[in-house]
Amino acid sequence: MPTTVMDAVSFLADLAAIVTAVVAVWVWGRFVWQAKSRQWRLEQYLGEQRWNGGDQGMRTALHLMSNLAMTEEQIYTAAFNSKKITAVPLADERGFAKDILFLYQEPKPGRYSPR
């Protein structure tokens, strides 16, 4: 009898390890997918604002937060991870940066990127 109990415990431990690994990979994949989704939404929104907005399409983090339903941290993370979004500091009358504007800009082809 003890060998069957030990076999059952060993089987359950192996099963728990497999389930833990599957759940961890699923959670990681979902986290990465959400981050890329936020980045894509931000790029799409700023691109539309630039080409259809009648101005240069620069928007503040507060504007983006209210229109994209994202937190400030999510906006900054998505913007700084994107090669298509440029951060432009907005200066006050003394020349100090008072805000950051985000601008959609197609990346320039690099030395090793396809043209």
PDB file of N, CA and C in Angstrom:
ATOM      1  N   MET A   1       0.812  -1.200   0.000  1.00  0.00           N
ATOM      2  CA  MET A   1       0.000   0.000   0.000  1.00  0.00           C
ATOM      3  C   MET A   1       0.857   1.267   0.000  1.00  0.00           C
ATOM      4  N   PRO A   2       1.916   1.345   0.765  1.00  0.00           N
ATOM      5  CA  PRO A   2       2.706   2.579   0.747  1.00  0.00           C
ATOM      6  C   PRO A   2       3.283   2.907  -0.623  1.00  0.00           C
ATOM      7  N   THR A   3       3.573   1.891  -1.444  1.00  0.00           N
ATOM      8  CA  THR A   3       4.131   2.204  -2.763  1.00  0.00           C
ATOM      9  C   THR A   3       3.082   2.859  -3.657  1.00  0.00           C
ATOM     10  N   THR A   4       1.842   2.464  -3.546  1.00  0.00           N
ATOM     11  CA  THR A   4       0.804   3.101  -4.367  1.00  0.00           C
ATOM     12  C   THR A   4       0.526   4.523  -3.899  1.00  0.00           C
ATOM     13  N   VAL A   5       0.593   4.754  -2.605  1.00  0.00           N
ATOM     14  CA  VAL A   5       0.402   6.118  -2.092  1.00  0.00           C
ATOM     15  C   VAL A   5       1.570   6.989  -2.547  1.00  0.00           C
ATOM     16  N   MET A   6       2.781   6.439  -2.479  1.00  0.00           N
ATOM     17  CA  MET A   6       3.948   7.192  -2.924  1.00  0.00           C
ATOM     18  C   MET A   6       3.877   7.455  -4.435  1.00  0.00           C
ATOM     19  N   ASP A   7       3.384   6.472  -5.171  1.00  0.00           N
ATOM     20  CA  ASP A   7       3.218   6.667  -6.612  1.00  0.00           C
ATOM     21  C   ASP A   7       2.175   7.740  -6.895  1.00  0.00           C
ATOM     22  N   ALA A   8       1.097   7.728  -6.142  1.00  0.00           N
ATOM     23  CA  ALA A   8       0.052   8.734  -6.324  1.00  0.00           C
ATOM     24  C   ALA A   8       0.572  10.132  -5.988  1.00  0.00           C
ATOM     25  N   VAL A   9       1.333  10.245  -4.908  1.00  0.00           N
ATOM     26  CA  VAL A   9       1.893  11.534  -4.502  1.00  0.00           C
ATOM     27  C   VAL A   9       2.895  12.019  -5.556  1.00  0.00           C
ATOM     28  N   SER A  10       3.700  11.110  -6.056  1.00  0.00           N
ATOM     29  CA  SER A  10       4.673  11.464  -7.083  1.00  0.00           C
ATOM     30  C   SER A  10       3.960  11.921  -8.360  1.00  0.00           C
ATOM     31  N   PHE A  11       2.919  11.226  -8.746  1.00  0.00           N
ATOM     32  CA  PHE A  11       2.145  11.607  -9.932  1.00  0.00           C
ATOM     33  C   PHE A  11       1.509  12.988  -9.747  1.00  0.00           C
ATOM     34  N   LEU A  12       0.919  13.231  -8.574  1.00  0.00           N
ATOM     35  CA  LEU A  12       0.293  14.530  -8.314  1.00  0.00           C
ATOM     36  C   LEU A  12       1.325  15.658  -8.293  1.00  0.00           C
ATOM     37  N   ALA A  13       2.517  15.364  -7.773  1.00  0.00           N
ATOM     38  CA  ALA A  13       3.573  16.387  -7.765  1.00  0.00           C
ATOM     39  C   ALA A  13       4.009  16.716  -9.193  1.00  0.00           C
ATOM     40  N   ASP A  14       4.157  15.691 -10.028  1.00  0.00           N
ATOM     41  CA  ASP A  14       4.525  15.920 -11.423  1.00  0.00           C
ATOM     42  C   ASP A  14       3.426  16.695 -12.155  1.00  0.00           C
ATOM     43  N   LEU A  15       2.189  16.320 -11.902  1.00  0.00           N
ATOM     44  CA  LEU A  15       1.062  17.011 -12.520  1.00  0.00           C
ATOM     45  C   LEU A  15       1.003  18.477 -12.079  1.00  0.00           C
ATOM     46  N   ALA A  16       1.249  18.735 -10.810  1.00  0.00           N
ATOM     47  CA  ALA A  16       1.243  20.107 -10.294  1.00  0.00           C
ATOM     48  C   ALA A  16       2.348  20.935 -10.944  1.00  0.00           C
ATOM     49  N   ALA A  17       3.512  20.339 -11.156  1.00  0.00           N
ATOM     50  CA  ALA A  17       4.611  21.054 -11.802  1.00  0.00           C
ATOM     51  C   ALA A  17       4.254  21.399 -13.240  1.00  0.00           C
ATOM     52  N   ILE A  18       3.624  20.481 -13.950  1.00  0.00           N
ATOM     53  CA  ILE A  18       3.233  20.730 -15.335  1.00  0.00           C
ATOM     54  C   ILE A  18       2.164  21.813 -15.407  1.00  0.00           C
ATOM     55  N   VAL A  19       1.161  21.727 -14.541  1.00  0.00           N
ATOM     56  CA  VAL A  19       0.089  22.735 -14.533  1.00  0.00           C
ATOM     57  C   VAL A  19       0.655  24.109 -14.191  1.00  0.00           C
ATOM     58  N   THR A  20       1.585  24.170 -13.240  1.00  0.00           N
ATOM     59  CA  THR A  20       2.201  25.437 -12.867  1.00  0.00           C
ATOM     60  C   THR A  20       2.952  26.043 -14.048  1.00  0.00           C
ATOM     61  N   ALA A  21       3.689  25.225 -14.770  1.00  0.00           N
ATOM     62  CA  ALA A  21       4.430  25.725 -15.934  1.00  0.00           C
ATOM     63  C   ALA A  21       3.479  26.221 -17.021  1.00  0.00           C
ATOM     64  N   VAL A  22       2.412  25.498 -17.281  1.00  0.00           N
ATOM     65  CA  VAL A  22       1.446  25.903 -18.308  1.00  0.00           C
ATOM     66  C   VAL A  22       0.785  27.222 -17.919  1.00  0.00           C
ATOM     67  N   VAL A  23       0.392  27.364 -16.670  1.00  0.00           N
ATOM     68  CA  VAL A  23      -0.247  28.601 -16.208  1.00  0.00           C
ATOM     69  C   VAL A  23       0.740  29.765 -16.280  1.00  0.00           C
ATOM     70  N   ALA A  24       1.994  29.531 -15.911  1.00  0.00           N
ATOM     71  CA  ALA A  24       2.999  30.596 -15.957  1.00  0.00           C
ATOM     72  C   ALA A  24       3.230  31.074 -17.386  1.00  0.00           C
ATOM     73  N   VAL A  25       3.314  30.153 -18.332  1.00  0.00           N
ATOM     74  CA  VAL A  25       3.505  30.538 -19.734  1.00  0.00           C
ATOM     75  C   VAL A  25       2.275  31.279 -20.252  1.00  0.00           C
ATOM     76  N   TRP A  26       1.092  30.833 -19.872  1.00  0.00           N
ATOM     77  CA  TRP A  26      -0.138  31.509 -20.302  1.00  0.00           C
ATOM     78  C   TRP A  26      -0.189  32.940 -19.760  1.00  0.00           C
ATOM     79  N   VAL A  27       0.135  33.123 -18.478  1.00  0.00           N
ATOM     80  CA  VAL A  27       0.113  34.460 -17.869  1.00  0.00           C
ATOM     81  C   VAL A  27       1.151  35.357 -18.536  1.00  0.00           C
ATOM     82  N   TRP A  28       2.342  34.838 -18.791  1.00  0.00           N
ATOM     83  CA  TRP A  28       3.382  35.616 -19.463  1.00  0.00           C
ATOM     84  C   TRP A  28       2.926  36.016 -20.866  1.00  0.00           C
ATOM     85  N   GLY A  29       2.358  35.087 -21.602  1.00  0.00           N
ATOM     86  CA  GLY A  29       1.875  35.378 -22.952  1.00  0.00           C
ATOM     87  C   GLY A  29       0.787  36.437 -22.950  1.00  0.00           C
ATOM     88  N   ARG A  30      -0.115  36.359 -21.999  1.00  0.00           N
ATOM     89  CA  ARG A  30      -1.186  37.349 -21.896  1.00  0.00           C
ATOM     90  C   ARG A  30      -0.621  38.725 -21.557  1.00  0.00           C
ATOM     91  N   PHE A  31       0.363  38.773 -20.672  1.00  0.00           N
ATOM     92  CA  PHE A  31       1.001  40.037 -20.304  1.00  0.00           C
ATOM     93  C   PHE A  31       1.671  40.679 -21.521  1.00  0.00           C
ATOM     94  N   VAL A  32       2.421  39.891 -22.274  1.00  0.00           N
ATOM     95  CA  VAL A  32       3.099  40.409 -23.462  1.00  0.00           C
ATOM     96  C   VAL A  32       2.075  40.850 -24.505  1.00  0.00           C
ATOM     97  N   TRP A  33       1.020  40.048 -24.712  1.00  0.00           N
ATOM     98  CA  TRP A  33      -0.007  40.394 -25.686  1.00  0.00           C
ATOM     99  C   TRP A  33      -0.701  41.707 -25.315  1.00  0.00           C
ATOM    100  N   GLN A  34      -1.016  41.897 -24.029  1.00  0.00           N
ATOM    101  CA  GLN A  34      -1.666  43.137 -23.603  1.00  0.00           C
ATOM    102  C   GLN A  34      -0.754  44.337 -23.823  1.00  0.00           C
ATOM    103  N   ALA A  35       0.526  44.189 -23.528  1.00  0.00           N
ATOM    104  CA  ALA A  35       1.467  45.294 -23.724  1.00  0.00           C
ATOM    105  C   ALA A  35       1.579  45.652 -25.199  1.00  0.00           C
ATOM    106  N   LYS A  36       1.676  44.655 -26.068  1.00  0.00           N
ATOM    107  CA  LYS A  36       1.755  44.915 -27.506  1.00  0.00           C
ATOM    108  C   LYS A  36       0.443  45.501 -28.030  1.00  0.00           C
ATOM    109  N   SER A  37      -0.673  45.060 -27.474  1.00  0.00           N
ATOM    110  CA  SER A  37      -1.969  45.591 -27.872  1.00  0.00           C
ATOM    111  C   SER A  37      -2.078  47.075 -27.509  1.00  0.00           C
ATOM    112  N   ARG A  38      -1.626  47.426 -26.323  1.00  0.00           N
ATOM    113  CA  ARG A  38      -1.646  48.838 -25.916  1.00  0.00           C
ATOM    114  C   ARG A  38      -0.741  49.665 -26.827  1.00  0.00           C
ATOM    115  N   GLN A  39       0.435  49.139 -27.144  1.00  0.00           N
ATOM    116  CA  GLN A  39       1.367  49.845 -28.021  1.00  0.00           C
ATOM    117  C   GLN A  39       0.745  50.031 -29.403  1.00  0.00           C
ATOM    118  N   TRP A  40       0.107  49.002 -29.934  1.00  0.00           N
ATOM    119  CA  TRP A  40      -0.527  49.091 -31.246  1.00  0.00           C
ATOM    120  C   TRP A  40      -1.657  50.122 -31.232  1.00  0.00           C
ATOM    121  N   ARG A  41      -2.481  50.105 -30.168  1.00  0.00           N
ATOM    122  CA  ARG A  41      -3.583  51.071 -30.069  1.00  0.00           C
ATOM    123  C   ARG A  41      -3.055  52.503 -30.022  1.00  0.00           C
ATOM    124  N   LEU A  42      -1.978  52.720 -29.265  1.00  0.00           N
ATOM    125  CA  LEU A  42      -1.383  54.051 -29.163  1.00  0.00           C
ATOM    126  C   LEU A  42      -0.820  54.498 -30.511  1.00  0.00           C
ATOM    127  N   GLU A  43      -0.121  53.606 -31.206  1.00  0.00           N
ATOM    128  CA  GLU A  43       0.411  53.947 -32.524  1.00  0.00           C
ATOM    129  C   GLU A  43      -0.708  54.263 -33.510  1.00  0.00           C
ATOM    130  N   GLN A  44      -1.767  53.464 -33.492  1.00  0.00           N
ATOM    131  CA  GLN A  44      -2.889  53.699 -34.398  1.00  0.00           C
ATOM    132  C   GLN A  44      -3.553  55.047 -34.108  1.00  0.00           C
ATOM    133  N   TYR A  45      -3.785  55.336 -32.836  1.00  0.00           N
ATOM    134  CA  TYR A  45      -4.457  56.577 -32.461  1.00  0.00           C
ATOM    135  C   TYR A  45      -3.615  57.796 -32.848  1.00  0.00           C
ATOM    136  N   LEU A  46      -2.337  57.764 -32.502  1.00  0.00           N
ATOM    137  CA  LEU A  46      -1.483  58.909 -32.824  1.00  0.00           C
ATOM    138  C   LEU A  46      -1.289  59.058 -34.329  1.00  0.00           C
ATOM    139  N   GLY A  47      -1.243  57.953 -35.057  1.00  0.00           N
ATOM    140  CA  GLY A  47      -1.149  58.022 -36.514  1.00  0.00           C
ATOM    141  C   GLY A  47      -2.380  58.669 -37.120  1.00  0.00           C
ATOM    142  N   GLU A  48      -3.556  58.282 -36.628  1.00  0.00           N
ATOM    143  CA  GLU A  48      -4.799  58.897 -37.111  1.00  0.00           C
ATOM    144  C   GLU A  48      -4.843  60.381 -36.760  1.00  0.00           C
ATOM    145  N   GLN A  49      -4.403  60.736 -35.563  1.00  0.00           N
ATOM    146  CA  GLN A  49      -4.400  62.139 -35.154  1.00  0.00           C
ATOM    147  C   GLN A  49      -3.448  62.957 -36.016  1.00  0.00           C
ATOM    148  N   ARG A  50      -2.329  62.361 -36.385  1.00  0.00           N
ATOM    149  CA  ARG A  50      -1.362  63.097 -37.193  1.00  0.00           C
ATOM    150  C   ARG A  50      -1.868  63.306 -38.612  1.00  0.00           C
ATOM    151  N   TRP A  51      -2.419  62.277 -39.223  1.00  0.00           N
ATOM    152  CA  TRP A  51      -2.805  62.373 -40.629  1.00  0.00           C
ATOM    153  C   TRP A  51      -4.206  62.947 -40.813  1.00  0.00           C
ATOM    154  N   ASN A  52      -5.086  62.835 -39.834  1.00  0.00           N
ATOM    155  CA  ASN A  52      -6.466  63.306 -39.986  1.00  0.00           C
ATOM    156  C   ASN A  52      -6.818  64.459 -39.067  1.00  0.00           C
ATOM    157  N   GLY A  53      -5.924  64.856 -38.176  1.00  0.00           N
ATOM    158  CA  GLY A  53      -6.253  65.843 -37.164  1.00  0.00           C
ATOM    159  C   GLY A  53      -6.109  67.284 -37.595  1.00  0.00           C
ATOM    160  N   GLY A  54      -5.434  67.552 -38.699  1.00  0.00           N
ATOM    161  CA  GLY A  54      -5.252  68.928 -39.135  1.00  0.00           C
ATOM    162  C   GLY A  54      -4.088  69.629 -38.469  1.00  0.00           C
ATOM    163  N   ASP A  55      -3.441  68.989 -37.519  1.00  0.00           N
ATOM    164  CA  ASP A  55      -2.258  69.560 -36.882  1.00  0.00           C
ATOM    165  C   ASP A  55      -1.149  68.510 -36.960  1.00  0.00           C
ATOM    166  N   GLN A  56      -0.111  68.696 -36.191  1.00  0.00           N
ATOM    167  CA  GLN A  56       1.004  67.751 -36.226  1.00  0.00           C
ATOM    168  C   GLN A  56       0.685  66.432 -35.531  1.00  0.00           C
ATOM    169  N   GLY A  57      -0.390  66.388 -34.790  1.00  0.00           N
ATOM    170  CA  GLY A  57      -0.794  65.151 -34.131  1.00  0.00           C
ATOM    171  C   GLY A  57      -0.106  64.899 -32.808  1.00  0.00           C
ATOM    172  N   MET A  58       0.509  65.920 -32.227  1.00  0.00           N
ATOM    173  CA  MET A  58       1.147  65.745 -30.923  1.00  0.00           C
ATOM    174  C   MET A  58       0.082  65.770 -29.837  1.00  0.00           C
ATOM    175  N   ARG A  59       0.137  64.812 -28.922  1.00  0.00           N
ATOM    176  CA  ARG A  59      -0.841  64.721 -27.846  1.00  0.00           C
ATOM    177  C   ARG A  59      -0.142  64.485 -26.513  1.00  0.00           C
ATOM    178  N   THR A  60      -0.730  65.015 -25.447  1.00  0.00           N
ATOM    179  CA  THR A  60      -0.169  64.830 -24.111  1.00  0.00           C
ATOM    180  C   THR A  60      -0.604  63.473 -23.549  1.00  0.00           C
ATOM    181  N   ALA A  61       0.078  63.063 -22.493  1.00  0.00           N
ATOM    182  CA  ALA A  61      -0.273  61.804 -21.842  1.00  0.00           C
ATOM    183  C   ALA A  61      -1.690  61.871 -21.284  1.00  0.00           C
ATOM    184  N   LEU A  62      -2.095  63.026 -20.762  1.00  0.00           N
ATOM    185  CA  LEU A  62      -3.449  63.168 -20.215  1.00  0.00           C
ATOM    186  C   LEU A  62      -4.504  62.996 -21.303  1.00  0.00           C
ATOM    187  N   HIS A  63      -4.271  63.583 -22.461  1.00  0.00           N
ATOM    188  CA  HIS A  63      -5.189  63.415 -23.591  1.00  0.00           C
ATOM    189  C   HIS A  63      -5.275  61.947 -23.991  1.00  0.00           C
ATOM    190  N   LEU A  64      -4.129  61.297 -24.080  1.00  0.00           N
ATOM    191  CA  LEU A  64      -4.099  59.888 -24.482  1.00  0.00           C
ATOM    192  C   LEU A  64      -4.760  58.998 -23.438  1.00  0.00           C
ATOM    193  N   MET A  65      -4.563  59.310 -22.170  1.00  0.00           N
ATOM    194  CA  MET A  65      -5.192  58.530 -21.100  1.00  0.00           C
ATOM    195  C   MET A  65      -6.712  58.593 -21.216  1.00  0.00           C
ATOM    196  N   SER A  66      -7.243  59.776 -21.482  1.00  0.00           N
ATOM    197  CA  SER A  66      -8.697  59.911 -21.534  1.00  0.00           C
ATOM    198  C   SER A  66      -9.296  59.296 -22.799  1.00  0.00           C
ATOM    199  N   ASN A  67      -8.574  59.304 -23.893  1.00  0.00           N
ATOM    200  CA  ASN A  67      -9.120  58.778 -25.140  1.00  0.00           C
ATOM    201  C   ASN A  67      -8.856  57.296 -25.356  1.00  0.00           C
ATOM    202  N   LEU A  68      -7.824  56.755 -24.736  1.00  0.00           N
ATOM    203  CA  LEU A  68      -7.488  55.343 -24.927  1.00  0.00           C
ATOM    204  C   LEU A  68      -7.800  54.479 -23.713  1.00  0.00           C
ATOM    205  N   ALA A  69      -8.276  55.097 -22.636  1.00  0.00           N
ATOM    206  CA  ALA A  69      -8.606  54.374 -21.400  1.00  0.00           C
ATOM    207  C   ALA A  69      -7.417  53.554 -20.909  1.00  0.00           C
ATOM    208  N   MET A  70      -6.267  54.209 -20.842  1.00  0.00           N
ATOM    209  CA  MET A  70      -5.049  53.585 -20.351  1.00  0.00           C
ATOM    210  C   MET A  70      -4.497  54.446 -19.222  1.00  0.00           C
ATOM    211  N   THR A  71      -3.707  53.829 -18.346  1.00  0.00           N
ATOM    212  CA  THR A  71      -3.089  54.591 -17.268  1.00  0.00           C
ATOM    213  C   THR A  71      -1.875  55.339 -17.807  1.00  0.00           C
ATOM    214  N   GLU A  72      -1.392  56.281 -17.020  1.00  0.00           N
ATOM    215  CA  GLU A  72      -0.228  57.059 -17.426  1.00  0.00           C
ATOM    216  C   GLU A  72       0.988  56.150 -17.615  1.00  0.00           C
ATOM    217  N   GLU A  73       1.152  55.217 -16.724  1.00  0.00           N
ATOM    218  CA  GLU A  73       2.275  54.276 -16.825  1.00  0.00           C
ATOM    219  C   GLU A  73       2.177  53.436 -18.089  1.00  0.00           C
ATOM    220  N   GLN A  74       0.974  53.019 -18.453  1.00  0.00           N
ATOM    221  CA  GLN A  74       0.778  52.235 -19.674  1.00  0.00           C
ATOM    222  C   GLN A  74       1.078  53.073 -20.917  1.00  0.00           C
ATOM    223  N   ILE A  75       0.705  54.353 -20.898  1.00  0.00           N
ATOM    224  CA  ILE A  75       0.991  55.251 -22.019  1.00  0.00           C
ATOM    225  C   ILE A  75       2.494  55.402 -22.195  1.00  0.00           C
ATOM    226  N   TYR A  76       3.192  55.713 -21.098  1.00  0.00           N
ATOM    227  CA  TYR A  76       4.640  55.900 -21.188  1.00  0.00           C
ATOM    228  C   TYR A  76       5.347  54.616 -21.606  1.00  0.00           C
ATOM    229  N   THR A  77       4.949  53.491 -21.070  1.00  0.00           N
ATOM    230  CA  THR A  77       5.571  52.214 -21.434  1.00  0.00           C
ATOM    231  C   THR A  77       5.362  51.911 -22.910  1.00  0.00           C
ATOM    232  N   ALA A  78       4.130  52.064 -23.384  1.00  0.00           N
ATOM    233  CA  ALA A  78       3.838  51.793 -24.793  1.00  0.00           C
ATOM    234  C   ALA A  78       4.590  52.762 -25.702  1.00  0.00           C
ATOM    235  N   ALA A  79       4.651  54.023 -25.317  1.00  0.00           N
ATOM    236  CA  ALA A  79       5.308  55.026 -26.160  1.00  0.00           C
ATOM    237  C   ALA A  79       6.815  54.804 -26.229  1.00  0.00           C
ATOM    238  N   PHE A  80       7.435  54.543 -25.091  1.00  0.00           N
ATOM    239  CA  PHE A  80       8.886  54.400 -25.084  1.00  0.00           C
ATOM    240  C   PHE A  80       9.342  53.051 -25.636  1.00  0.00           C
ATOM    241  N   ASN A  81       8.449  52.071 -25.733  1.00  0.00           N
ATOM    242  CA  ASN A  81       8.793  50.793 -26.358  1.00  0.00           C
ATOM    243  C   ASN A  81       8.542  50.807 -27.862  1.00  0.00           C
ATOM    244  N   SER A  82       7.898  51.833 -28.365  1.00  0.00           N
ATOM    245  CA  SER A  82       7.552  51.913 -29.779  1.00  0.00           C
ATOM    246  C   SER A  82       8.646  52.628 -30.560  1.00  0.00           C
ATOM    247  N   LYS A  83       8.913  52.128 -31.759  1.00  0.00           N
ATOM    248  CA  LYS A  83       9.851  52.801 -32.654  1.00  0.00           C
ATOM    249  C   LYS A  83       9.144  53.852 -33.502  1.00  0.00           C
ATOM    250  N   LYS A  84       7.811  53.897 -33.428  1.00  0.00           N
ATOM    251  CA  LYS A  84       7.029  54.818 -34.249  1.00  0.00           C
ATOM    252  C   LYS A  84       6.570  56.054 -33.492  1.00  0.00           C
ATOM    253  N   ILE A  85       6.815  56.108 -32.196  1.00  0.00           N
ATOM    254  CA  ILE A  85       6.354  57.236 -31.389  1.00  0.00           C
ATOM    255  C   ILE A  85       7.561  57.970 -30.816  1.00  0.00           C
ATOM    256  N   THR A  86       7.541  59.275 -30.977  1.00  0.00           N
ATOM    257  CA  THR A  86       8.617  60.123 -30.477  1.00  0.00           C
ATOM    258  C   THR A  86       8.085  60.982 -29.341  1.00  0.00           C
ATOM    259  N   ALA A  87       8.865  61.127 -28.291  1.00  0.00           N
ATOM    260  CA  ALA A  87       8.508  62.001 -27.173  1.00  0.00           C
ATOM    261  C   ALA A  87       9.137  63.374 -27.421  1.00  0.00           C
ATOM    262  N   VAL A  88       8.301  64.401 -27.356  1.00  0.00           N
ATOM    263  CA  VAL A  88       8.758  65.773 -27.597  1.00  0.00           C
ATOM    264  C   VAL A  88       8.503  66.579 -26.328  1.00  0.00           C
ATOM    265  N   PRO A  89       9.550  67.130 -25.696  1.00  0.00           N
ATOM    266  CA  PRO A  89       9.328  67.931 -24.494  1.00  0.00           C
ATOM    267  C   PRO A  89       8.723  69.287 -24.852  1.00  0.00           C
ATOM    268  N   LEU A  90       7.762  69.713 -24.051  1.00  0.00           N
ATOM    269  CA  LEU A  90       7.110  71.013 -24.219  1.00  0.00           C
ATOM    270  C   LEU A  90       7.670  71.942 -23.147  1.00  0.00           C
ATOM    271  N   ALA A  91       8.287  73.045 -23.570  1.00  0.00           N
ATOM    272  CA  ALA A  91       8.952  73.952 -22.638  1.00  0.00           C
ATOM    273  C   ALA A  91       8.021  75.070 -22.189  1.00  0.00           C
ATOM    274  N   ASP A  92       8.242  75.535 -20.955  1.00  0.00           N
ATOM    275  CA  ASP A  92       7.509  76.694 -20.456  1.00  0.00           C
ATOM    276  C   ASP A  92       8.260  77.968 -20.851  1.00  0.00           C
ATOM    277  N   GLU A  93       7.823  79.111 -20.347  1.00  0.00           N
ATOM    278  CA  GLU A  93       8.414  80.389 -20.730  1.00  0.00           C
ATOM    279  C   GLU A  93       9.867  80.542 -20.274  1.00  0.00           C
ATOM    280  N   ARG A  94      10.289  79.788 -19.248  1.00  0.00           N
ATOM    281  CA  ARG A  94      11.672  79.849 -18.777  1.00  0.00           C
ATOM    282  C   ARG A  94      12.573  78.844 -19.485  1.00  0.00           C
ATOM    283  N   GLY A  95      11.995  78.008 -20.344  1.00  0.00           N
ATOM    284  CA  GLY A  95      12.798  77.033 -21.078  1.00  0.00           C
ATOM    285  C   GLY A  95      12.870  75.665 -20.432  1.00  0.00           C
ATOM    286  N   PHE A  96      12.156  75.478 -19.307  1.00  0.00           N
ATOM    287  CA  PHE A  96      12.149  74.190 -18.635  1.00  0.00           C
ATOM    288  C   PHE A  96      11.028  73.315 -19.196  1.00  0.00           C
ATOM    289  N   ALA A  97      11.272  72.040 -19.253  1.00  0.00           N
ATOM    290  CA  ALA A  97      10.242  71.121 -19.751  1.00  0.00           C
ATOM    291  C   ALA A  97       9.095  71.077 -18.754  1.00  0.00           C
ATOM    292  N   LYS A  98       7.872  71.258 -19.247  1.00  0.00           N
ATOM    293  CA  LYS A  98       6.709  71.205 -18.369  1.00  0.00           C
ATOM    294  C   LYS A  98       5.781  70.051 -18.710  1.00  0.00           C
ATOM    295  N   ASP A  99       5.918  69.508 -19.907  1.00  0.00           N
ATOM    296  CA  ASP A  99       5.074  68.385 -20.307  1.00  0.00           C
ATOM    297  C   ASP A  99       5.766  67.625 -21.423  1.00  0.00           C
ATOM    298  N   ILE A 100       5.263  66.447 -21.705  1.00  0.00           N
ATOM    299  CA  ILE A 100       5.773  65.637 -22.802  1.00  0.00           C
ATOM    300  C   ILE A 100       4.639  65.416 -23.789  1.00  0.00           C
ATOM    301  N   LEU A 101       4.919  65.699 -25.044  1.00  0.00           N
ATOM    302  CA  LEU A 101       3.968  65.435 -26.107  1.00  0.00           C
ATOM    303  C   LEU A 101       4.441  64.201 -26.869  1.00  0.00           C
ATOM    304  N   PHE A 102       3.498  63.389 -27.303  1.00  0.00           N
ATOM    305  CA  PHE A 102       3.839  62.191 -28.056  1.00  0.00           C
ATOM    306  C   PHE A 102       3.418  62.395 -29.502  1.00  0.00           C
ATOM    307  N   LEU A 103       4.294  62.022 -30.416  1.00  0.00           N
ATOM    308  CA  LEU A 103       4.106  62.240 -31.843  1.00  0.00           C
ATOM    309  C   LEU A 103       4.341  60.942 -32.590  1.00  0.00           C
ATOM    310  N   TYR A 104       3.431  60.615 -33.501  1.00  0.00           N
ATOM    311  CA  TYR A 104       3.611  59.450 -34.368  1.00  0.00           C
ATOM    312  C   TYR A 104       4.574  59.832 -35.469  1.00  0.00           C
ATOM    313  N   GLN A 105       5.594  59.014 -35.666  1.00  0.00           N
ATOM    314  CA  GLN A 105       6.583  59.285 -36.691  1.00  0.00           C
ATOM    315  C   GLN A 105       7.089  57.951 -37.222  1.00  0.00           C
ATOM    316  N   GLU A 106       6.986  57.767 -38.536  1.00  0.00           N
ATOM    317  CA  GLU A 106       7.485  56.519 -39.126  1.00  0.00           C
ATOM    318  C   GLU A 106       8.979  56.421 -38.876  1.00  0.00           C
ATOM    319  N   PRO A 107       9.457  55.240 -38.467  1.00  0.00           N
ATOM    320  CA  PRO A 107      10.897  55.110 -38.216  1.00  0.00           C
ATOM    321  C   PRO A 107      11.689  55.199 -39.517  1.00  0.00           C
ATOM    322  N   LYS A 108      12.857  55.809 -39.417  1.00  0.00           N
ATOM    323  CA  LYS A 108      13.718  55.908 -40.577  1.00  0.00           C
ATOM    324  C   LYS A 108      14.392  54.559 -40.794  1.00  0.00           C
ATOM    325  N   PRO A 109      14.536  54.142 -42.043  1.00  0.00           N
ATOM    326  CA  PRO A 109      15.190  52.852 -42.272  1.00  0.00           C
ATOM    327  C   PRO A 109      16.637  52.907 -41.776  1.00  0.00           C
ATOM    328  N   GLY A 110      16.996  51.909 -41.026  1.00  0.00           N
ATOM    329  CA  GLY A 110      18.343  51.834 -40.485  1.00  0.00           C
ATOM    330  C   GLY A 110      19.276  51.136 -41.447  1.00  0.00           C
ATOM    331  N   ARG A 111      20.452  50.949 -40.988  1.00  0.00           N
ATOM    332  CA  ARG A 111      21.482  50.329 -41.815  1.00  0.00           C
ATOM    333  C   ARG A 111      21.119  48.905 -42.201  1.00  0.00           C
ATOM    334  N   TYR A 112      20.523  48.180 -41.266  1.00  0.00           N
ATOM    335  CA  TYR A 112      20.216  46.770 -41.507  1.00  0.00           C
ATOM    336  C   TYR A 112      18.735  46.487 -41.673  1.00  0.00           C
ATOM    337  N   SER A 113      17.898  47.510 -41.681  1.00  0.00           N
ATOM    338  CA  SER A 113      16.463  47.277 -41.822  1.00  0.00           C
ATOM    339  C   SER A 113      16.080  47.237 -43.296  1.00  0.00           C
ATOM    340  N   PRO A 114      15.026  46.499 -43.637  1.00  0.00           N
ATOM    341  CA  PRO A 114      14.604  46.442 -45.033  1.00  0.00           C
ATOM    342  C   PRO A 114      14.073  47.795 -45.501  1.00  0.00           C
ATOM    343  N   ARG A 115      14.303  48.123 -46.727  1.00  0.00           N
ATOM    344  CA  ARG A 115      13.850  49.418 -47.255  1.00  0.00           C
ATOM    345  C   ARG A 115      12.670  49.270 -48.120  1.00  0.00           C
TER     346      ARG A 115
END
